[in-house]
N, C-alpha and C. Protein backbone atom coordinates (compact mmCIF):
# COMPACT_ATOMS: atom_id res chain seq x y z
N MET A 1 25.93 141.02 -3.22
CA MET A 1 27.08 141.51 -2.45
C MET A 1 27.78 142.61 -3.25
N ASN A 2 28.06 143.74 -2.60
CA ASN A 2 28.71 144.87 -3.25
C ASN A 2 30.22 144.75 -3.08
N LEU A 3 30.94 144.56 -4.21
CA LEU A 3 32.40 144.44 -4.17
C LEU A 3 33.10 145.75 -4.50
N THR A 4 32.35 146.83 -4.66
CA THR A 4 32.95 148.13 -4.97
C THR A 4 33.63 148.70 -3.73
N PRO A 5 34.90 149.10 -3.80
CA PRO A 5 35.60 149.67 -2.64
C PRO A 5 34.88 150.90 -2.10
N ASP A 6 34.86 151.04 -0.80
CA ASP A 6 34.13 152.15 -0.17
C ASP A 6 34.64 153.52 -0.61
N PHE A 7 35.97 153.64 -0.89
CA PHE A 7 36.50 154.97 -1.20
C PHE A 7 35.89 155.55 -2.48
N LEU A 8 35.35 154.67 -3.34
CA LEU A 8 34.75 155.16 -4.58
C LEU A 8 33.46 155.94 -4.33
N ASP A 9 32.93 155.83 -3.10
CA ASP A 9 31.73 156.61 -2.77
C ASP A 9 32.04 158.11 -2.77
N GLN A 10 33.34 158.46 -2.66
CA GLN A 10 33.73 159.87 -2.64
C GLN A 10 33.75 160.47 -4.04
N ALA A 11 33.70 159.63 -5.06
CA ALA A 11 33.79 160.12 -6.44
C ALA A 11 32.56 160.93 -6.82
N THR A 12 32.78 162.05 -7.49
CA THR A 12 31.68 162.89 -7.96
C THR A 12 31.35 162.60 -9.42
N GLY A 13 32.08 161.68 -10.02
CA GLY A 13 31.86 161.31 -11.41
C GLY A 13 32.69 160.08 -11.72
N PRO A 14 32.75 159.65 -12.97
CA PRO A 14 33.54 158.48 -13.33
C PRO A 14 35.02 158.70 -13.00
N VAL A 15 35.64 157.71 -12.39
CA VAL A 15 37.07 157.81 -12.08
C VAL A 15 37.87 157.45 -13.33
N PRO A 16 39.08 158.01 -13.48
CA PRO A 16 39.85 157.79 -14.72
C PRO A 16 40.09 156.32 -15.05
N CYS A 17 40.31 155.48 -14.02
CA CYS A 17 40.62 154.08 -14.30
C CYS A 17 39.44 153.30 -14.87
N SER A 18 38.26 153.86 -14.75
CA SER A 18 37.08 153.14 -15.26
C SER A 18 37.04 153.12 -16.79
N GLN A 19 37.84 154.00 -17.41
CA GLN A 19 37.84 154.05 -18.87
C GLN A 19 38.63 152.90 -19.49
N GLU A 20 39.74 152.51 -18.83
CA GLU A 20 40.59 151.42 -19.34
C GLU A 20 41.03 150.53 -18.18
N PRO A 21 40.12 149.82 -17.56
CA PRO A 21 40.44 149.05 -16.36
C PRO A 21 41.49 147.95 -16.59
N ASP A 22 41.56 147.42 -17.80
CA ASP A 22 42.51 146.33 -18.05
C ASP A 22 43.96 146.77 -17.89
N LEU A 23 44.23 148.05 -18.12
CA LEU A 23 45.61 148.54 -17.99
C LEU A 23 46.15 148.30 -16.59
N PHE A 24 45.29 148.41 -15.59
CA PHE A 24 45.72 148.38 -14.20
C PHE A 24 46.04 146.97 -13.70
N PHE A 25 45.71 145.98 -14.48
CA PHE A 25 46.00 144.59 -14.10
C PHE A 25 46.81 143.88 -15.19
N SER A 26 47.33 144.66 -16.11
CA SER A 26 48.12 144.11 -17.20
C SER A 26 49.49 143.68 -16.70
N LEU A 27 50.08 142.71 -17.37
CA LEU A 27 51.44 142.27 -17.06
C LEU A 27 52.46 142.97 -17.95
N ASP A 28 51.99 143.80 -18.84
CA ASP A 28 52.87 144.53 -19.74
C ASP A 28 53.38 145.80 -19.05
N ASP A 29 54.71 146.00 -19.09
CA ASP A 29 55.29 147.15 -18.39
C ASP A 29 54.75 148.47 -18.92
N ALA A 30 54.62 148.59 -20.21
CA ALA A 30 54.12 149.84 -20.80
C ALA A 30 52.70 150.13 -20.34
N ASP A 31 51.88 149.10 -20.22
CA ASP A 31 50.50 149.28 -19.75
C ASP A 31 50.48 149.77 -18.31
N ARG A 32 51.31 149.16 -17.47
CA ARG A 32 51.29 149.53 -16.06
C ARG A 32 51.84 150.94 -15.84
N ILE A 33 52.84 151.31 -16.61
CA ILE A 33 53.36 152.68 -16.50
C ILE A 33 52.29 153.67 -16.95
N ARG A 34 51.56 153.31 -17.98
CA ARG A 34 50.45 154.17 -18.42
C ARG A 34 49.37 154.25 -17.35
N ALA A 35 49.13 153.14 -16.65
CA ALA A 35 48.14 153.13 -15.57
C ALA A 35 48.57 154.07 -14.45
N VAL A 36 49.86 154.07 -14.14
CA VAL A 36 50.37 154.97 -13.10
C VAL A 36 50.14 156.42 -13.51
N LYS A 37 50.37 156.71 -14.78
CA LYS A 37 50.17 158.08 -15.27
C LYS A 37 48.71 158.48 -15.12
N ILE A 38 47.79 157.57 -15.41
CA ILE A 38 46.36 157.85 -15.25
C ILE A 38 46.03 158.10 -13.78
N CYS A 39 46.63 157.31 -12.90
CA CYS A 39 46.37 157.45 -11.46
C CYS A 39 46.73 158.85 -10.95
N ARG A 40 47.80 159.39 -11.46
CA ARG A 40 48.28 160.66 -10.94
C ARG A 40 47.31 161.81 -11.18
N GLY A 41 46.42 161.65 -12.12
CA GLY A 41 45.44 162.68 -12.36
C GLY A 41 44.13 162.44 -11.65
N CYS A 42 44.07 161.43 -10.77
CA CYS A 42 42.82 161.08 -10.10
C CYS A 42 42.72 161.75 -8.74
N PRO A 43 41.59 162.38 -8.42
CA PRO A 43 41.43 163.03 -7.12
C PRO A 43 41.33 162.04 -5.96
N LEU A 44 41.10 160.76 -6.27
CA LEU A 44 40.98 159.75 -5.22
C LEU A 44 42.27 158.95 -5.04
N LEU A 45 43.38 159.46 -5.55
CA LEU A 45 44.64 158.71 -5.53
C LEU A 45 45.02 158.25 -4.13
N VAL A 46 44.98 159.15 -3.15
CA VAL A 46 45.41 158.80 -1.80
C VAL A 46 44.48 157.77 -1.17
N ALA A 47 43.17 157.96 -1.32
CA ALA A 47 42.20 157.02 -0.76
C ALA A 47 42.31 155.66 -1.44
N CYS A 48 42.55 155.69 -2.74
CA CYS A 48 42.71 154.45 -3.51
C CYS A 48 43.94 153.68 -3.03
N HIS A 49 45.02 154.42 -2.81
CA HIS A 49 46.26 153.80 -2.35
C HIS A 49 46.08 153.18 -0.97
N ALA A 50 45.39 153.89 -0.09
CA ALA A 50 45.18 153.38 1.27
C ALA A 50 44.36 152.09 1.24
N HIS A 51 43.32 152.08 0.42
CA HIS A 51 42.49 150.87 0.31
C HIS A 51 43.31 149.70 -0.22
N ALA A 52 44.05 149.93 -1.30
CA ALA A 52 44.81 148.85 -1.93
C ALA A 52 45.90 148.32 -1.01
N THR A 53 46.49 149.20 -0.21
CA THR A 53 47.52 148.77 0.73
C THR A 53 46.93 147.88 1.80
N ASP A 54 45.80 148.31 2.36
CA ASP A 54 45.15 147.51 3.41
C ASP A 54 44.64 146.17 2.87
N ALA A 55 44.10 146.18 1.65
CA ALA A 55 43.52 144.97 1.08
C ALA A 55 44.54 144.14 0.31
N ASP A 56 45.75 144.67 0.16
CA ASP A 56 46.81 144.00 -0.61
C ASP A 56 46.31 143.63 -2.00
N GLU A 57 45.74 144.60 -2.67
CA GLU A 57 45.17 144.38 -3.99
C GLU A 57 46.26 144.08 -5.03
N LEU A 58 45.90 143.34 -6.06
CA LEU A 58 46.78 143.12 -7.20
C LEU A 58 46.69 144.31 -8.14
N GLY A 59 47.73 144.52 -8.92
CA GLY A 59 47.70 145.55 -9.94
C GLY A 59 48.09 146.93 -9.44
N VAL A 60 47.87 147.92 -10.30
CA VAL A 60 48.20 149.30 -10.00
C VAL A 60 47.01 149.98 -9.34
N TRP A 61 47.23 150.45 -8.14
CA TRP A 61 46.22 151.21 -7.38
C TRP A 61 46.94 152.39 -6.74
N GLY A 62 46.31 153.54 -6.74
CA GLY A 62 46.91 154.69 -6.06
C GLY A 62 48.27 155.08 -6.63
N GLY A 63 48.49 154.81 -7.91
CA GLY A 63 49.74 155.23 -8.53
C GLY A 63 50.93 154.35 -8.25
N GLN A 64 50.70 153.17 -7.65
CA GLN A 64 51.81 152.27 -7.35
C GLN A 64 51.45 150.83 -7.67
N THR A 65 52.47 150.05 -7.96
CA THR A 65 52.27 148.61 -8.14
C THR A 65 52.14 147.96 -6.78
N ARG A 66 51.75 146.70 -6.78
CA ARG A 66 51.60 145.97 -5.52
C ARG A 66 52.93 145.89 -4.77
N ALA A 67 54.01 145.65 -5.51
CA ALA A 67 55.33 145.56 -4.87
C ALA A 67 55.71 146.87 -4.21
N GLU A 68 55.40 147.99 -4.86
CA GLU A 68 55.73 149.31 -4.28
C GLU A 68 54.90 149.56 -3.03
N ARG A 69 53.62 149.21 -3.08
CA ARG A 69 52.77 149.44 -1.90
C ARG A 69 53.24 148.59 -0.73
N ARG A 70 53.61 147.36 -1.00
CA ARG A 70 54.11 146.49 0.07
C ARG A 70 55.40 147.05 0.67
N GLY A 71 56.28 147.50 -0.21
CA GLY A 71 57.54 148.06 0.27
C GLY A 71 57.33 149.31 1.10
N LEU A 72 56.43 150.17 0.65
CA LEU A 72 56.14 151.40 1.38
C LEU A 72 55.57 151.09 2.75
N ARG A 73 54.67 150.11 2.82
CA ARG A 73 54.08 149.74 4.10
C ARG A 73 55.13 149.13 5.03
N ARG A 74 56.02 148.32 4.47
CA ARG A 74 57.06 147.69 5.28
C ARG A 74 58.01 148.74 5.88
N ARG A 75 58.27 149.79 5.11
CA ARG A 75 59.16 150.85 5.60
C ARG A 75 58.44 151.85 6.48
N GLY A 76 57.12 151.78 6.54
CA GLY A 76 56.36 152.75 7.31
C GLY A 76 56.35 154.12 6.65
N GLY A 77 56.47 154.14 5.33
CA GLY A 77 56.53 155.41 4.61
C GLY A 77 55.17 155.98 4.29
N VAL A 78 55.17 157.15 3.68
CA VAL A 78 53.96 157.86 3.29
C VAL A 78 53.96 158.04 1.78
N LEU A 79 52.82 157.87 1.15
CA LEU A 79 52.72 158.00 -0.30
C LEU A 79 53.15 159.39 -0.74
N GLN A 80 54.10 159.44 -1.67
CA GLN A 80 54.54 160.69 -2.28
C GLN A 80 54.56 160.49 -3.79
N VAL A 81 53.85 161.34 -4.49
CA VAL A 81 53.79 161.22 -5.95
C VAL A 81 54.99 161.94 -6.55
N PRO A 82 55.88 161.25 -7.28
CA PRO A 82 57.04 161.91 -7.89
C PRO A 82 56.60 162.96 -8.89
N ALA A 83 57.45 163.97 -9.05
CA ALA A 83 57.13 165.03 -10.00
C ALA A 83 57.57 164.70 -11.42
N GLU A 84 58.43 163.66 -11.56
CA GLU A 84 58.94 163.33 -12.89
C GLU A 84 57.83 162.79 -13.78
N PRO A 85 57.91 163.07 -15.07
CA PRO A 85 56.96 162.46 -16.01
C PRO A 85 57.07 160.94 -15.96
N VAL A 86 55.96 160.24 -16.05
CA VAL A 86 55.97 158.78 -15.96
C VAL A 86 56.82 158.17 -17.08
N GLU A 87 56.90 158.87 -18.22
CA GLU A 87 57.65 158.32 -19.34
C GLU A 87 59.12 158.11 -18.99
N GLU A 88 59.63 158.83 -17.97
CA GLU A 88 61.03 158.71 -17.58
C GLU A 88 61.26 157.59 -16.57
N LEU A 89 60.22 156.85 -16.24
CA LEU A 89 60.32 155.77 -15.27
C LEU A 89 60.25 154.42 -15.97
N GLU A 90 60.70 153.39 -15.25
CA GLU A 90 60.62 152.03 -15.78
C GLU A 90 60.38 151.08 -14.62
N LEU A 91 59.90 149.89 -14.91
CA LEU A 91 59.66 148.88 -13.88
C LEU A 91 60.88 147.98 -13.79
N ASP A 92 61.33 147.71 -12.53
CA ASP A 92 62.48 146.83 -12.36
C ASP A 92 62.02 145.37 -12.25
N ASP A 93 62.97 144.49 -11.96
CA ASP A 93 62.65 143.06 -11.90
C ASP A 93 61.70 142.71 -10.75
N GLU A 94 61.60 143.61 -9.77
CA GLU A 94 60.71 143.36 -8.63
C GLU A 94 59.41 144.15 -8.76
N ASP A 95 59.11 144.61 -9.98
CA ASP A 95 57.85 145.29 -10.27
C ASP A 95 57.72 146.62 -9.54
N ARG A 96 58.85 147.33 -9.40
CA ARG A 96 58.84 148.64 -8.76
C ARG A 96 59.18 149.70 -9.80
N LEU A 97 58.48 150.81 -9.75
CA LEU A 97 58.79 151.91 -10.66
C LEU A 97 60.13 152.52 -10.26
N ARG A 98 61.02 152.63 -11.23
CA ARG A 98 62.35 153.17 -10.97
C ARG A 98 62.70 154.21 -12.01
N ARG A 99 63.57 155.10 -11.62
CA ARG A 99 64.14 156.04 -12.58
C ARG A 99 65.29 155.35 -13.31
N GLU A 100 65.51 155.74 -14.55
CA GLU A 100 66.60 155.16 -15.30
C GLU A 100 67.92 155.50 -14.63
N CYS A 101 68.83 154.54 -14.53
CA CYS A 101 70.10 154.74 -13.84
C CYS A 101 70.94 155.81 -14.53
N GLY A 102 71.78 156.46 -13.72
CA GLY A 102 72.66 157.48 -14.25
C GLY A 102 72.32 158.88 -13.78
N SER A 103 71.56 158.99 -12.69
CA SER A 103 71.17 160.30 -12.17
C SER A 103 71.24 160.30 -10.65
N VAL A 104 71.19 161.51 -10.08
CA VAL A 104 71.19 161.64 -8.62
C VAL A 104 69.94 161.01 -8.02
N LYS A 105 68.79 161.20 -8.66
CA LYS A 105 67.55 160.62 -8.13
C LYS A 105 67.57 159.10 -8.21
N ALA A 106 68.18 158.56 -9.25
CA ALA A 106 68.30 157.11 -9.34
C ALA A 106 69.25 156.59 -8.27
N TYR A 107 70.29 157.36 -7.96
CA TYR A 107 71.21 156.99 -6.87
C TYR A 107 70.44 156.91 -5.54
N ARG A 108 69.61 157.92 -5.29
CA ARG A 108 68.83 157.92 -4.04
C ARG A 108 67.83 156.77 -4.01
N ALA A 109 67.32 156.38 -5.18
CA ALA A 109 66.41 155.24 -5.23
C ALA A 109 67.15 153.96 -4.83
N HIS A 110 68.38 153.81 -5.30
CA HIS A 110 69.19 152.66 -4.88
C HIS A 110 69.28 152.63 -3.35
N ARG A 111 69.60 153.77 -2.77
CA ARG A 111 69.75 153.86 -1.32
C ARG A 111 68.44 153.56 -0.60
N LYS A 112 67.35 154.08 -1.15
CA LYS A 112 66.04 153.87 -0.52
C LYS A 112 65.68 152.39 -0.47
N PHE A 113 66.08 151.66 -1.49
CA PHE A 113 65.76 150.24 -1.55
C PHE A 113 66.87 149.38 -0.94
N GLY A 114 67.84 150.00 -0.26
CA GLY A 114 68.89 149.25 0.42
C GLY A 114 69.86 148.59 -0.53
N GLU A 115 70.08 149.19 -1.70
CA GLU A 115 70.95 148.61 -2.71
C GLU A 115 72.27 149.37 -2.79
N THR A 116 73.30 148.71 -3.27
CA THR A 116 74.56 149.38 -3.58
C THR A 116 74.38 150.09 -4.92
N PRO A 117 74.60 151.40 -4.97
CA PRO A 117 74.40 152.12 -6.25
C PRO A 117 75.27 151.55 -7.36
N CYS A 118 74.72 151.53 -8.56
CA CYS A 118 75.49 151.07 -9.72
C CYS A 118 76.54 152.12 -10.07
N ARG A 119 77.44 151.77 -10.98
CA ARG A 119 78.54 152.68 -11.33
C ARG A 119 78.03 153.98 -11.93
N ARG A 120 77.02 153.88 -12.79
CA ARG A 120 76.48 155.08 -13.42
C ARG A 120 75.86 156.03 -12.41
N CYS A 121 75.12 155.47 -11.47
CA CYS A 121 74.48 156.31 -10.45
C CYS A 121 75.52 156.87 -9.47
N GLN A 122 76.52 156.06 -9.12
CA GLN A 122 77.57 156.54 -8.23
C GLN A 122 78.34 157.67 -8.89
N ALA A 123 78.62 157.54 -10.18
CA ALA A 123 79.33 158.59 -10.90
C ALA A 123 78.51 159.87 -10.94
N ALA A 124 77.18 159.73 -11.15
CA ALA A 124 76.31 160.90 -11.17
C ALA A 124 76.27 161.58 -9.81
N TRP A 125 76.24 160.77 -8.75
CA TRP A 125 76.23 161.31 -7.39
C TRP A 125 77.54 162.03 -7.08
N ASP A 126 78.67 161.41 -7.44
CA ASP A 126 79.98 162.02 -7.17
C ASP A 126 80.12 163.35 -7.92
N ALA A 127 79.66 163.38 -9.17
CA ALA A 127 79.73 164.61 -9.95
C ALA A 127 78.86 165.71 -9.32
N ASN A 128 77.71 165.32 -8.80
CA ASN A 128 76.82 166.29 -8.17
C ASN A 128 77.45 166.84 -6.88
N VAL A 129 78.05 165.96 -6.10
CA VAL A 129 78.71 166.39 -4.86
C VAL A 129 79.84 167.37 -5.17
N GLU A 130 80.63 167.05 -6.19
CA GLU A 130 81.73 167.95 -6.55
C GLU A 130 81.20 169.30 -7.01
N THR A 131 80.13 169.30 -7.79
CA THR A 131 79.55 170.56 -8.26
C THR A 131 79.09 171.41 -7.08
N GLU A 132 78.43 170.78 -6.12
CA GLU A 132 77.94 171.52 -4.95
C GLU A 132 79.10 172.05 -4.11
N ARG A 133 80.16 171.26 -3.98
CA ARG A 133 81.31 171.71 -3.20
C ARG A 133 82.03 172.87 -3.88
N ARG A 134 82.13 172.82 -5.20
CA ARG A 134 82.80 173.91 -5.91
C ARG A 134 81.96 175.19 -5.84
N ALA A 135 80.65 175.04 -5.86
CA ALA A 135 79.79 176.22 -5.70
C ALA A 135 79.98 176.82 -4.31
N ALA A 136 80.08 175.95 -3.30
CA ALA A 136 80.30 176.43 -1.93
C ALA A 136 81.66 177.10 -1.81
N LEU A 137 82.67 176.56 -2.50
CA LEU A 137 84.01 177.14 -2.45
C LEU A 137 84.03 178.53 -3.08
N GLU A 138 83.28 178.70 -4.15
CA GLU A 138 83.19 180.02 -4.79
C GLU A 138 82.61 181.04 -3.82
N ARG A 139 81.62 180.62 -3.05
CA ARG A 139 81.02 181.54 -2.07
C ARG A 139 82.04 181.94 -1.00
N GLU A 140 82.87 180.98 -0.57
CA GLU A 140 83.88 181.30 0.44
C GLU A 140 84.95 182.22 -0.14
N HIS A 141 85.32 182.03 -1.40
CA HIS A 141 86.32 182.88 -2.04
C HIS A 141 85.78 184.28 -2.31
N ALA A 142 84.46 184.43 -2.33
CA ALA A 142 83.85 185.74 -2.57
C ALA A 142 83.82 186.60 -1.31
N LEU A 143 84.20 186.03 -0.16
CA LEU A 143 84.22 186.79 1.09
C LEU A 143 85.31 187.87 1.01
N PRO A 144 85.20 188.93 1.83
CA PRO A 144 86.20 190.01 1.80
C PRO A 144 87.63 189.51 1.97
N ALA A 145 87.82 188.48 2.80
CA ALA A 145 89.17 187.96 3.03
C ALA A 145 89.65 187.09 1.87
N GLY A 146 88.77 186.75 0.97
CA GLY A 146 89.16 185.93 -0.17
C GLY A 146 89.23 184.44 0.13
N GLY A 147 88.90 184.07 1.33
CA GLY A 147 88.94 182.66 1.72
C GLY A 147 88.50 182.49 3.15
N SER A 148 88.39 181.25 3.62
CA SER A 148 87.93 180.99 4.97
C SER A 148 88.38 179.60 5.40
N VAL A 149 88.16 179.30 6.68
CA VAL A 149 88.48 177.96 7.18
C VAL A 149 87.60 176.92 6.49
N THR A 150 86.32 177.27 6.29
CA THR A 150 85.43 176.36 5.56
C THR A 150 85.95 176.11 4.16
N GLY A 151 86.45 177.17 3.52
CA GLY A 151 87.02 177.01 2.19
C GLY A 151 88.24 176.11 2.20
N TYR A 152 89.06 176.22 3.25
CA TYR A 152 90.25 175.36 3.37
C TYR A 152 89.84 173.88 3.39
N HIS A 153 88.85 173.56 4.23
CA HIS A 153 88.41 172.16 4.33
C HIS A 153 87.70 171.70 3.06
N THR A 154 87.05 172.63 2.35
CA THR A 154 86.42 172.25 1.08
C THR A 154 87.47 171.90 0.04
N HIS A 155 88.56 172.67 0.03
CA HIS A 155 89.68 172.32 -0.85
C HIS A 155 90.13 170.88 -0.57
N ARG A 156 90.27 170.56 0.71
CA ARG A 156 90.76 169.23 1.09
C ARG A 156 89.79 168.15 0.65
N ARG A 157 88.48 168.40 0.80
CA ARG A 157 87.49 167.42 0.37
C ARG A 157 87.51 167.21 -1.14
N LEU A 158 87.94 168.24 -1.86
CA LEU A 158 88.04 168.13 -3.31
C LEU A 158 89.38 167.55 -3.74
N ASN A 159 90.21 167.21 -2.76
CA ASN A 159 91.53 166.63 -3.04
C ASN A 159 92.37 167.53 -3.95
N GLU A 160 92.38 168.81 -3.61
CA GLU A 160 93.16 169.77 -4.39
C GLU A 160 93.96 170.66 -3.46
N PRO A 161 95.02 171.33 -3.96
CA PRO A 161 95.81 172.22 -3.11
C PRO A 161 94.95 173.36 -2.56
N THR A 162 95.25 173.77 -1.36
CA THR A 162 94.51 174.88 -0.76
C THR A 162 95.10 176.21 -1.23
N CYS A 163 94.26 177.23 -1.31
CA CYS A 163 94.72 178.54 -1.78
C CYS A 163 95.29 179.34 -0.61
N ASP A 164 96.02 180.41 -0.91
CA ASP A 164 96.67 181.23 0.12
C ASP A 164 95.66 181.85 1.09
N PRO A 165 94.56 182.49 0.61
CA PRO A 165 93.62 183.10 1.55
C PRO A 165 92.99 182.08 2.51
N CYS A 166 92.69 180.87 2.02
CA CYS A 166 92.09 179.85 2.90
C CYS A 166 93.11 179.36 3.92
N ARG A 167 94.38 179.21 3.50
CA ARG A 167 95.41 178.81 4.47
C ARG A 167 95.62 179.90 5.50
N ALA A 168 95.58 181.16 5.07
CA ALA A 168 95.73 182.28 6.01
C ALA A 168 94.61 182.27 7.04
N ALA A 169 93.39 182.00 6.58
CA ALA A 169 92.26 181.95 7.51
C ALA A 169 92.44 180.84 8.52
N LEU A 170 92.98 179.71 8.09
CA LEU A 170 93.22 178.61 9.01
C LEU A 170 94.29 178.98 10.04
N ARG A 171 95.34 179.69 9.59
CA ARG A 171 96.39 180.11 10.54
C ARG A 171 95.83 181.08 11.57
N VAL A 172 94.97 181.99 11.12
CA VAL A 172 94.36 182.94 12.06
C VAL A 172 93.53 182.19 13.10
N GLN A 173 92.75 181.22 12.65
CA GLN A 173 91.92 180.46 13.59
C GLN A 173 92.79 179.70 14.58
N ALA A 174 93.90 179.09 14.10
CA ALA A 174 94.79 178.34 14.99
C ALA A 174 95.42 179.26 16.02
N ALA A 175 95.83 180.48 15.59
CA ALA A 175 96.44 181.43 16.53
C ALA A 175 95.42 181.87 17.57
N GLU A 176 94.18 182.10 17.15
CA GLU A 176 93.14 182.51 18.11
C GLU A 176 92.87 181.41 19.13
N ARG A 177 92.88 180.16 18.68
CA ARG A 177 92.65 179.06 19.61
C ARG A 177 93.79 178.92 20.61
N ARG A 178 95.04 179.10 20.13
CA ARG A 178 96.17 179.02 21.06
C ARG A 178 96.10 180.13 22.09
N ALA A 179 95.74 181.33 21.67
CA ALA A 179 95.61 182.45 22.60
C ALA A 179 94.51 182.18 23.62
N ALA A 180 93.40 181.61 23.15
CA ALA A 180 92.30 181.30 24.07
C ALA A 180 92.72 180.25 25.08
N ASP A 181 93.49 179.24 24.63
CA ASP A 181 93.96 178.20 25.55
C ASP A 181 94.88 178.79 26.62
N LYS A 182 95.76 179.73 26.23
CA LYS A 182 96.66 180.36 27.19
C LYS A 182 95.89 181.16 28.23
N ARG A 183 94.85 181.87 27.77
CA ARG A 183 94.05 182.65 28.71
C ARG A 183 93.35 181.74 29.71
N LYS A 184 92.88 180.59 29.25
CA LYS A 184 92.23 179.65 30.15
C LYS A 184 93.21 179.10 31.17
N GLN A 185 94.42 178.77 30.71
CA GLN A 185 95.42 178.20 31.61
C GLN A 185 95.86 179.22 32.66
N SER A 186 95.99 180.47 32.28
CA SER A 186 96.43 181.50 33.24
C SER A 186 95.35 181.82 34.25
N GLY A 187 94.11 181.54 33.92
CA GLY A 187 93.03 181.87 34.84
C GLY A 187 92.51 180.69 35.63
N LEU A 188 93.25 179.54 35.64
CA LEU A 188 92.79 178.36 36.36
C LEU A 188 92.89 178.57 37.86
N THR A 189 91.92 178.13 38.63
CA THR A 189 91.93 178.17 40.10
C THR A 189 91.60 176.78 40.61
N VAL A 190 92.16 176.43 41.78
CA VAL A 190 91.90 175.14 42.38
C VAL A 190 90.65 175.23 43.23
N VAL A 191 89.67 174.44 42.92
CA VAL A 191 88.40 174.44 43.66
C VAL A 191 88.35 173.17 44.49
N PRO A 192 88.20 173.26 45.81
CA PRO A 192 88.14 172.05 46.64
C PRO A 192 86.90 171.25 46.34
N PRO A 193 86.97 169.95 46.51
CA PRO A 193 85.78 169.12 46.30
C PRO A 193 84.62 169.57 47.16
N ALA A 194 83.39 169.31 46.69
CA ALA A 194 82.20 169.79 47.39
C ALA A 194 82.06 169.18 48.78
N ASP A 195 82.62 167.95 49.01
CA ASP A 195 82.43 167.31 50.31
C ASP A 195 83.50 167.71 51.32
N ASP A 196 84.52 168.52 50.93
CA ASP A 196 85.52 168.99 51.88
C ASP A 196 84.92 170.10 52.73
N PRO A 197 85.24 170.14 54.06
CA PRO A 197 84.73 171.23 54.90
C PRO A 197 85.33 172.56 54.47
N ALA A 198 84.52 173.56 54.42
CA ALA A 198 85.00 174.89 54.03
C ALA A 198 85.87 175.46 55.14
N PRO A 199 86.96 176.17 54.81
CA PRO A 199 87.82 176.76 55.84
C PRO A 199 87.08 177.87 56.58
N PRO A 200 87.45 178.15 57.86
CA PRO A 200 86.78 179.21 58.63
C PRO A 200 87.08 180.56 58.02
N PRO A 201 86.17 181.52 58.17
CA PRO A 201 86.41 182.87 57.65
C PRO A 201 87.68 183.44 58.24
N ALA A 202 88.40 184.23 57.47
CA ALA A 202 89.67 184.80 57.93
C ALA A 202 89.47 185.74 59.08
N SER A 203 88.29 186.35 59.21
CA SER A 203 88.03 187.33 60.26
C SER A 203 87.70 186.69 61.60
N ALA A 204 87.45 185.38 61.60
CA ALA A 204 87.06 184.73 62.86
C ALA A 204 88.28 184.58 63.76
N ALA A 205 88.17 184.97 65.03
CA ALA A 205 89.31 184.90 65.99
C ALA A 205 89.46 183.49 66.47
N ALA A 206 90.73 183.05 66.62
CA ALA A 206 91.01 181.70 67.12
C ALA A 206 90.68 181.63 68.59
N PRO A 207 90.14 180.57 69.08
CA PRO A 207 89.80 180.46 70.52
C PRO A 207 91.08 180.51 71.37
N SER A 208 91.04 181.26 72.48
CA SER A 208 92.21 181.44 73.33
C SER A 208 92.41 180.31 74.32
N GLY A 209 91.39 179.51 74.53
CA GLY A 209 91.50 178.41 75.49
C GLY A 209 91.18 178.84 76.92
N ARG A 210 90.93 180.15 77.14
CA ARG A 210 90.59 180.63 78.48
C ARG A 210 89.18 181.08 78.52
N ALA A 211 88.53 180.83 79.63
CA ALA A 211 87.14 181.25 79.78
C ALA A 211 87.07 182.75 79.90
N ALA A 212 86.04 183.33 79.38
CA ALA A 212 85.88 184.79 79.44
C ALA A 212 85.56 185.22 80.84
């Protein structure tokens, strides 16, 4: 009986995992992280992952642990190989590869796994949001008017006083909206409901009541 997975028929030479097969079934975190690194250089990574997911294989296959493959299948996700070096990853208590806490990507990992972000990751996320908002505010201040309505609301999101040009832009927008509302009100006409009979044309003569 041949127990070799069918996807290995696609190999044109020895696959990387054949050199150190014990790493892929080791219980040591360092071994499994090394196995993941080896997987990422394999041309059969996607086929290997698909086989292991369907067969619910033990160990590291297709660059993921069994827990990661199960989670990905449960979520209906698609295999994506992270660009980060494997050395920057670690295995959590549920045997999932994770980024070390304290970064935006680690924050997103918390969210992906349905977790409440830890304080370090939340702080990293908040700092990133503030950086992006301040960069956006600089772009609004670089406009010819020196500010904008978007800039005004960005100031508010940053919980800081608004600048004069952004407040001026908001006043201009409010004045334009009031003017537009007045124009609409002055141009309102009463339209009869569709089921009401239309009045006769003004040019039609009223019947005299006498025969011609």
